[in-house]
Amino acid sequence: MITYWKHIKITLFICLSLILCSCVFHEQYPPDWSPLTKPSKDCSTISGIYNDDGPSTQPYLGYLLTGIVKKSPNPDKINYVQIGKGNNDELIVTVWNEYTKLSEKIYKKDDYKCTDEGIEISAGVEIPIDVVLGLSREKFTLIKAGDGSLVVMHRSNVWGLFGALVPVAVDEIHYYKYSQKK
């Protein structure tokens, strides 16, 4: 009987700790950006060539979609990213420096899905190598804006222990915008 109550107290303590140590940051879509458009049924409206530009506070589009910056000694060489549909409903992301292909990633039909918002790509569940001991999950939704630019809604979740002691849960949403190549 004592162990039963002990388990309930420990479970309640863990749940209460997660609630108290959780952080939610859901950035709102900037009202001064062009309105988002509804994608076609096959999400082919996302196809296009986009400048890997934007404020220095946002990540490179090539990094988000292919991870090239981790491999490249000079991420400033990325000029634009091409997104298109291939055979068998593949999503092909190619990173370019002018006329030189730097990287290409092919997402199979099981790696992404076309939703009412746009193309959703899940980066899967990973073990973060930061100060949090736990699990993290990232998801990118590619959405076309009315001005032709590409908007990336980046959602990330982290659950675990900060410093291996303090329970933590984080849920964040950020928006990034990349102009269409002219």
Protein backbone atom coordinates (compact mmCIF):
# COMPACT_ATOMS: atom_id res chain seq x y z
CA MET A 1 0.00 0.00 0.00
CA ILE A 2 2.83 2.40 0.83
CA THR A 3 4.61 1.78 -2.47
CA TYR A 4 1.39 2.55 -4.39
CA TRP A 5 1.13 6.02 -2.83
CA LYS A 6 4.83 6.54 -3.26
CA HIS A 7 4.53 5.89 -7.02
CA ILE A 8 1.58 8.26 -7.29
CA LYS A 9 3.52 11.01 -5.47
CA ILE A 10 6.56 10.53 -7.72
CA THR A 11 4.36 10.60 -10.85
CA LEU A 12 2.58 13.75 -9.67
CA PHE A 13 5.92 15.38 -8.85
CA ILE A 14 7.27 14.61 -12.34
CA CYS A 15 4.10 15.90 -14.04
CA LEU A 16 4.06 19.07 -11.95
CA SER A 17 7.77 19.64 -12.65
CA LEU A 18 7.21 19.33 -16.41
CA ILE A 19 4.32 21.78 -16.27
CA LEU A 20 6.30 24.31 -14.24
CA CYS A 21 9.45 23.94 -16.36
CA SER A 22 7.81 24.08 -19.77
CA CYS A 23 8.16 26.87 -22.27
CA VAL A 24 5.87 27.63 -25.20
CA PHE A 25 6.80 30.22 -27.79
CA HIS A 26 4.52 30.41 -30.81
CA GLU A 27 5.57 33.28 -33.02
CA GLN A 28 2.64 34.74 -34.95
CA TYR A 29 2.80 35.06 -38.73
CA PRO A 30 4.05 38.63 -39.34
CA PRO A 31 1.11 40.82 -40.42
CA ASP A 32 3.32 42.91 -42.75
CA TRP A 33 4.22 39.82 -44.85
CA SER A 34 2.18 38.85 -47.89
CA PRO A 35 -0.81 36.58 -47.09
CA LEU A 36 -0.28 32.85 -47.42
CA THR A 37 -1.86 31.01 -50.35
CA LYS A 38 -3.64 27.68 -50.30
CA PRO A 39 -1.54 24.96 -51.96
CA SER A 40 -2.69 22.85 -54.88
CA LYS A 41 -3.78 19.28 -54.09
CA ASP A 42 -0.32 17.92 -54.95
CA CYS A 43 1.50 20.94 -53.44
CA SER A 44 3.20 21.67 -56.79
CA THR A 45 2.60 25.39 -56.17
CA ILE A 46 5.57 25.25 -53.76
CA SER A 47 7.88 24.46 -56.70
CA GLY A 48 10.21 27.31 -57.56
CA ILE A 49 13.60 28.88 -57.11
CA TYR A 50 14.14 30.91 -53.96
CA ASN A 51 16.97 33.21 -52.90
CA ASP A 52 18.70 32.02 -49.77
CA ASP A 53 18.33 35.46 -48.28
CA GLY A 54 16.67 37.13 -45.38
CA PRO A 55 17.77 38.74 -42.15
CA SER A 56 20.90 37.36 -40.53
CA THR A 57 18.75 36.12 -37.65
CA GLN A 58 17.16 33.40 -39.76
CA PRO A 59 18.79 30.16 -40.90
CA TYR A 60 19.87 29.48 -44.46
CA LEU A 61 17.10 27.77 -46.45
CA GLY A 62 19.68 25.33 -47.83
CA TYR A 63 20.59 24.34 -44.28
CA LEU A 64 16.97 23.84 -43.23
CA LEU A 65 16.12 21.60 -46.16
CA THR A 66 19.39 19.73 -46.87
CA GLY A 67 21.75 20.34 -43.96
CA ILE A 68 24.44 21.61 -46.38
CA VAL A 69 25.79 24.29 -44.03
CA LYS A 70 26.90 21.59 -41.61
CA LYS A 71 28.99 20.10 -44.42
CA SER A 72 30.09 23.30 -46.13
CA PRO A 73 33.01 25.36 -44.78
CA ASN A 74 31.54 28.52 -46.33
CA PRO A 75 27.72 28.78 -46.15
CA ASP A 76 27.87 32.21 -47.84
CA LYS A 77 28.40 30.37 -51.12
CA ILE A 78 24.73 29.35 -51.19
CA ASN A 79 22.83 31.68 -53.53
CA TYR A 80 19.50 29.99 -54.05
CA VAL A 81 17.49 26.85 -53.46
CA GLN A 82 15.38 25.10 -56.09
CA ILE A 83 12.36 23.07 -55.00
CA GLY A 84 10.53 20.82 -57.44
CA LYS A 85 8.59 17.62 -57.84
CA GLY A 86 10.29 14.60 -59.41
CA ASN A 87 9.24 11.14 -60.51
CA ASN A 88 7.06 9.07 -58.18
CA ASP A 89 6.01 12.19 -56.23
CA GLU A 90 9.52 12.85 -54.99
CA LEU A 91 10.31 16.31 -53.64
CA ILE A 92 13.71 17.45 -54.91
CA VAL A 93 15.59 20.23 -53.11
CA THR A 94 18.73 21.50 -54.86
CA VAL A 95 21.13 24.06 -53.38
CA TRP A 96 23.00 26.24 -55.89
CA ASN A 97 25.90 28.69 -56.03
CA GLU A 98 25.18 30.49 -59.29
CA TYR A 99 25.55 27.65 -61.81
CA THR A 100 27.21 25.11 -59.52
CA LYS A 101 25.11 22.51 -57.72
CA LEU A 102 26.29 22.32 -54.09
CA SER A 103 23.88 19.72 -52.76
CA GLU A 104 20.68 17.89 -53.55
CA LYS A 105 18.26 16.10 -51.27
CA ILE A 106 15.43 13.93 -52.52
CA TYR A 107 12.49 13.44 -50.21
CA LYS A 108 10.52 10.28 -50.98
CA LYS A 109 6.73 10.36 -50.69
CA ASP A 110 6.98 8.91 -47.14
CA ASP A 111 9.41 11.70 -46.07
CA TYR A 112 6.92 14.54 -46.56
CA LYS A 113 3.21 15.14 -46.86
CA CYS A 114 1.04 17.66 -48.61
CA THR A 115 -1.30 19.30 -46.08
CA ASP A 116 -3.85 22.11 -46.25
CA GLU A 117 -1.05 24.51 -45.30
CA GLY A 118 1.72 23.31 -47.61
CA ILE A 119 4.48 20.70 -47.73
CA GLU A 120 5.27 19.31 -44.29
CA ILE A 121 8.69 17.76 -43.76
CA SER A 122 9.43 16.04 -40.48
CA ALA A 123 13.07 15.89 -39.43
CA GLY A 124 12.18 13.03 -37.08
CA VAL A 125 13.07 12.54 -33.45
CA GLU A 126 16.67 13.12 -32.39
CA ILE A 127 18.72 13.15 -29.22
CA PRO A 128 19.90 16.74 -28.71
CA ILE A 129 23.58 17.24 -27.99
CA ASP A 130 23.06 20.45 -26.04
CA VAL A 131 22.67 20.80 -22.30
CA VAL A 132 19.30 19.01 -22.43
CA LEU A 133 19.31 15.25 -22.00
CA GLY A 134 16.22 14.04 -23.81
CA LEU A 135 14.52 14.04 -27.21
CA SER A 136 13.81 16.70 -29.81
CA ARG A 137 11.60 16.83 -32.88
CA GLU A 138 11.56 19.32 -35.77
CA LYS A 139 9.01 19.89 -38.49
CA PHE A 140 9.15 22.30 -41.44
CA THR A 141 6.09 23.42 -43.38
CA LEU A 142 6.78 25.06 -46.76
CA ILE A 143 4.08 27.56 -47.66
CA LYS A 144 3.85 29.87 -50.68
CA ALA A 145 3.03 33.53 -49.97
CA GLY A 146 0.93 35.74 -52.24
CA ASP A 147 4.03 37.69 -53.40
CA GLY A 148 5.68 34.45 -54.64
CA SER A 149 8.06 34.11 -51.70
CA LEU A 150 8.49 30.89 -49.73
CA VAL A 151 7.55 30.90 -46.07
CA VAL A 152 8.93 28.19 -43.80
CA MET A 153 7.06 27.51 -40.58
CA HIS A 154 9.58 25.79 -38.28
CA ARG A 155 8.19 23.92 -35.30
CA SER A 156 10.49 22.33 -32.73
CA ASN A 157 9.82 20.40 -29.54
CA VAL A 158 12.28 19.34 -26.85
CA TRP A 159 11.55 17.13 -23.85
CA GLY A 160 14.11 16.09 -21.30
CA LEU A 161 16.27 17.12 -18.40
CA PHE A 162 18.22 20.38 -18.33
CA GLY A 163 21.65 19.75 -16.85
CA ALA A 164 20.48 16.15 -16.28
CA LEU A 165 18.46 17.41 -13.26
CA VAL A 166 15.62 19.79 -14.12
CA PRO A 167 12.72 18.51 -16.24
CA VAL A 168 12.00 20.72 -19.24
CA ALA A 169 9.55 20.79 -22.15
CA VAL A 170 9.84 23.37 -24.96
CA ASP A 171 7.49 23.97 -27.90
CA GLU A 172 8.42 26.69 -30.43
CA ILE A 173 7.10 27.96 -33.77
CA HIS A 174 9.08 30.41 -35.95
CA TYR A 175 8.45 31.79 -39.44
CA TYR A 176 11.13 32.46 -42.06
CA LYS A 177 10.65 34.10 -45.45
CA TYR A 178 12.73 33.63 -48.63
CA SER A 179 12.13 35.71 -51.76
CA GLN A 180 11.50 34.18 -55.16
CA LYS A 181 14.48 34.29 -57.54
CA LYS A 182 13.85 36.71 -60.39
